Amino acid sequence: MLRGRKIGLRARIESDVAVLQRELYEDVPNYSRAAVRPWWPVSPGRSGEFYAVSDPDPANAVFSIVTLDGDELAGECGLWGIDLHNRSAALGLALLPGSRGRGLAIDAVQALCTYGFKTRGLHRIQIETLADNAAMRATAVRAGFTEEGVRRHAGWVEGAFSDDVIYGRLADDPAA
């Protein structure tokens, strides 16, 4: 398990799937704001289930976030689109509603950066978030990411286009 100050990042296990599916995926408005694909109904236990446990994938490093003080499932996160040639990846995370506002996101982002830079040898990690996602934008800055630009109307969210803000952090940038 990878450890932060408050959280641990571990492989997803079967008992996580139903919770993540119910609390994150079935929250259609929030899922639609965070995902890069449209929401569609998926029955638990089916092959299309978004949070299903799967074999390791060199292009994606997926983790469950658990609290260190109680081993409570707090959400999910990962590095995706890992590009070994350019040594880069994108970072994503989603906390369960009851885990938000507890300082877990910054800890998870920092743990993912440590994993990406030191364990995987990446040079660049990127975060893309909706322009109105103040919590993720603040987390990115607190974790040492630099705002690099805005992609205008890049996200389709609940019937309207929204701007995406891109943040980047390089391996040799000072940690926050």
Protein backbone atom coordinates (compact mmCIF):
# COMPACT_ATOMS: atom_id res chain seq x y z
CA MET A 1 0.00 0.00 0.00
CA LEU A 2 1.16 3.52 -0.78
CA ARG A 3 0.82 5.81 2.23
CA GLY A 4 0.16 9.49 2.64
CA ARG A 5 -0.38 11.30 5.92
CA LYS A 6 -4.09 10.45 6.18
CA ILE A 7 -4.73 7.97 3.38
CA GLY A 8 -3.46 4.80 1.83
CA LEU A 9 -3.68 3.87 -1.82
CA ARG A 10 -4.22 0.18 -2.42
CA ALA A 11 -5.38 -2.08 -5.20
CA ARG A 12 -9.13 -2.15 -5.69
CA ILE A 13 -10.81 -5.19 -4.14
CA GLU A 14 -14.20 -6.73 -4.82
CA SER A 15 -15.83 -5.22 -1.72
CA ASP A 16 -14.95 -1.71 -3.00
CA VAL A 17 -16.81 -2.13 -6.27
CA ALA A 18 -20.41 -1.92 -5.01
CA VAL A 19 -19.63 1.12 -2.85
CA LEU A 20 -17.85 2.99 -5.64
CA GLN A 21 -20.59 2.06 -8.10
CA ARG A 22 -23.36 3.23 -5.76
CA GLU A 23 -21.72 6.38 -4.36
CA LEU A 24 -19.79 7.64 -7.39
CA TYR A 25 -21.12 6.10 -10.60
CA GLU A 26 -24.82 6.25 -9.74
CA ASP A 27 -24.49 9.95 -8.83
CA VAL A 28 -25.11 10.85 -12.46
CA PRO A 29 -24.62 14.66 -12.21
CA ASN A 30 -21.29 14.36 -10.39
CA TYR A 31 -20.11 11.43 -12.50
CA SER A 32 -20.90 13.44 -15.64
CA ARG A 33 -18.77 16.30 -14.34
CA ALA A 34 -15.76 14.06 -13.65
CA ALA A 35 -15.79 11.51 -16.46
CA VAL A 36 -14.36 11.62 -19.95
CA ARG A 37 -17.16 9.41 -21.25
CA PRO A 38 -20.94 9.63 -21.00
CA TRP A 39 -22.84 7.92 -18.21
CA TRP A 40 -24.95 4.91 -19.11
CA PRO A 41 -26.79 2.42 -16.92
CA VAL A 42 -24.69 -0.59 -15.95
CA SER A 43 -25.93 -3.44 -13.79
CA PRO A 44 -23.67 -4.48 -10.89
CA GLY A 45 -21.44 -7.41 -11.73
CA ARG A 46 -21.55 -6.81 -15.49
CA SER A 47 -18.44 -6.56 -17.66
CA GLY A 48 -19.03 -2.86 -18.37
CA GLU A 49 -19.05 -1.95 -14.71
CA PHE A 50 -16.83 1.11 -14.41
CA TYR A 51 -15.16 0.21 -11.08
CA ALA A 52 -14.77 -3.54 -11.66
CA VAL A 53 -11.59 -5.18 -10.41
CA SER A 54 -9.36 -5.89 -13.40
CA ASP A 55 -5.93 -7.16 -14.27
CA PRO A 56 -3.04 -4.70 -14.09
CA ASP A 57 -2.76 -2.42 -17.10
CA PRO A 58 0.53 -0.68 -17.94
CA ALA A 59 -1.38 2.38 -19.21
CA ASN A 60 -3.46 2.86 -16.05
CA ALA A 61 -2.64 2.61 -12.34
CA VAL A 62 -5.92 2.42 -10.43
CA PHE A 63 -6.19 2.64 -6.64
CA SER A 64 -8.80 2.68 -3.92
CA ILE A 65 -8.31 5.42 -1.36
CA VAL A 66 -8.64 4.26 2.26
CA THR A 67 -8.22 6.16 5.50
CA LEU A 68 -5.23 5.16 7.58
CA ASP A 69 -7.05 5.72 10.87
CA GLY A 70 -9.85 3.25 10.14
CA ASP A 71 -9.22 1.51 6.81
CA GLU A 72 -12.44 3.13 5.56
CA LEU A 73 -12.96 3.30 1.79
CA ALA A 74 -12.83 7.00 0.92
CA GLY A 75 -12.78 6.99 -2.89
CA GLU A 76 -10.74 6.07 -5.91
CA CYS A 77 -7.90 7.59 -7.87
CA GLY A 78 -5.24 6.79 -10.37
CA LEU A 79 -2.88 7.69 -13.11
CA TRP A 80 -4.29 7.04 -16.56
CA GLY A 81 -3.06 7.37 -20.10
CA ILE A 82 0.43 6.53 -18.90
CA ASP A 83 2.75 7.25 -21.82
CA LEU A 84 6.06 5.47 -21.30
CA HIS A 85 7.74 7.16 -24.26
CA ASN A 86 7.01 10.71 -23.09
CA ARG A 87 6.99 9.63 -19.43
CA SER A 88 3.69 11.36 -18.71
CA ALA A 89 0.26 10.58 -17.32
CA ALA A 90 -3.02 12.18 -16.30
CA LEU A 91 -4.23 12.09 -12.72
CA GLY A 92 -7.82 11.62 -11.64
CA LEU A 93 -9.58 11.14 -8.35
CA ALA A 94 -13.06 10.94 -6.89
CA LEU A 95 -13.92 10.95 -3.20
CA LEU A 96 -17.07 9.43 -1.77
CA PRO A 97 -19.49 12.15 -0.62
CA GLY A 98 -18.86 11.43 3.08
CA SER A 99 -15.10 11.76 2.61
CA ARG A 100 -15.07 15.18 0.99
CA GLY A 101 -13.83 18.21 2.88
CA ARG A 102 -11.48 16.22 5.13
CA GLY A 103 -8.16 17.00 3.42
CA LEU A 104 -7.96 13.56 1.81
CA ALA A 105 -7.76 14.78 -1.80
CA ILE A 106 -4.50 16.67 -1.36
CA ASP A 107 -2.97 13.68 0.41
CA ALA A 108 -4.10 11.33 -2.38
CA VAL A 109 -2.74 13.64 -5.10
CA GLN A 110 0.62 13.91 -3.33
CA ALA A 111 0.81 10.11 -2.89
CA LEU A 112 -0.01 9.61 -6.60
CA CYS A 113 2.70 12.10 -7.57
CA THR A 114 5.25 10.30 -5.41
CA TYR A 115 4.24 7.01 -7.04
CA GLY A 116 4.29 8.47 -10.54
CA PHE A 117 7.59 10.30 -10.24
CA LYS A 118 9.60 8.00 -7.99
CA THR A 119 8.18 4.54 -8.66
CA ARG A 120 7.11 4.82 -12.31
CA GLY A 121 9.80 7.29 -13.41
CA LEU A 122 7.36 9.74 -14.97
CA HIS A 123 8.47 13.25 -15.87
CA ARG A 124 5.05 14.96 -16.13
CA ILE A 125 1.67 14.50 -14.48
CA GLN A 126 -1.36 16.45 -15.66
CA ILE A 127 -4.70 17.25 -14.07
CA GLU A 128 -7.66 18.37 -16.17
CA THR A 129 -10.69 19.65 -14.32
CA LEU A 130 -13.78 21.71 -15.04
CA ALA A 131 -13.23 25.45 -14.63
CA ASP A 132 -15.91 25.64 -11.92
CA ASN A 133 -14.43 22.78 -9.84
CA ALA A 134 -12.93 25.04 -7.16
CA ALA A 135 -12.05 22.13 -4.86
CA MET A 136 -9.96 20.26 -7.44
CA ARG A 137 -8.35 23.45 -8.70
CA ALA A 138 -7.27 24.38 -5.16
CA THR A 139 -6.03 20.83 -4.55
CA ALA A 140 -3.92 20.95 -7.73
CA VAL A 141 -2.26 24.22 -6.70
CA ARG A 142 -1.69 23.03 -3.12
CA ALA A 143 -0.04 19.88 -4.52
CA GLY A 144 2.48 21.87 -6.56
CA PHE A 145 0.76 21.89 -9.95
CA THR A 146 0.95 24.92 -12.24
CA GLU A 147 -2.07 26.14 -14.16
CA GLU A 148 -1.10 25.83 -17.82
CA GLY A 149 -4.18 26.81 -19.73
CA VAL A 150 -7.86 26.57 -20.47
CA ARG A 151 -9.49 24.41 -23.10
CA ARG A 152 -12.61 26.33 -24.03
CA HIS A 153 -15.84 24.34 -24.14
CA ALA A 154 -13.90 21.06 -23.94
CA GLY A 155 -16.33 19.21 -21.68
CA TRP A 156 -19.94 18.23 -22.32
CA VAL A 157 -21.65 18.30 -18.91
CA GLU A 158 -25.38 17.82 -18.35
CA GLY A 159 -26.43 19.42 -21.63
CA ALA A 160 -23.91 22.26 -21.90
CA PHE A 161 -20.27 22.79 -22.72
CA SER A 162 -17.82 23.72 -19.99
CA ASP A 163 -14.23 24.90 -20.00
CA ASP A 164 -11.46 22.60 -18.73
CA VAL A 165 -8.46 23.94 -16.86
CA ILE A 166 -5.16 22.09 -17.30
CA TYR A 167 -2.58 21.83 -14.54
CA GLY A 168 0.84 20.25 -14.88
CA ARG A 169 3.58 19.19 -12.52
CA LEU A 170 7.04 18.04 -13.53
CA ALA A 171 9.21 15.61 -11.60
CA ASP A 172 11.74 18.33 -10.80
CA ASP A 173 9.14 20.92 -9.72
CA PRO A 174 9.27 21.65 -6.00
CA ALA A 175 6.74 19.61 -4.03
CA ALA A 176 4.14 21.66 -2.20
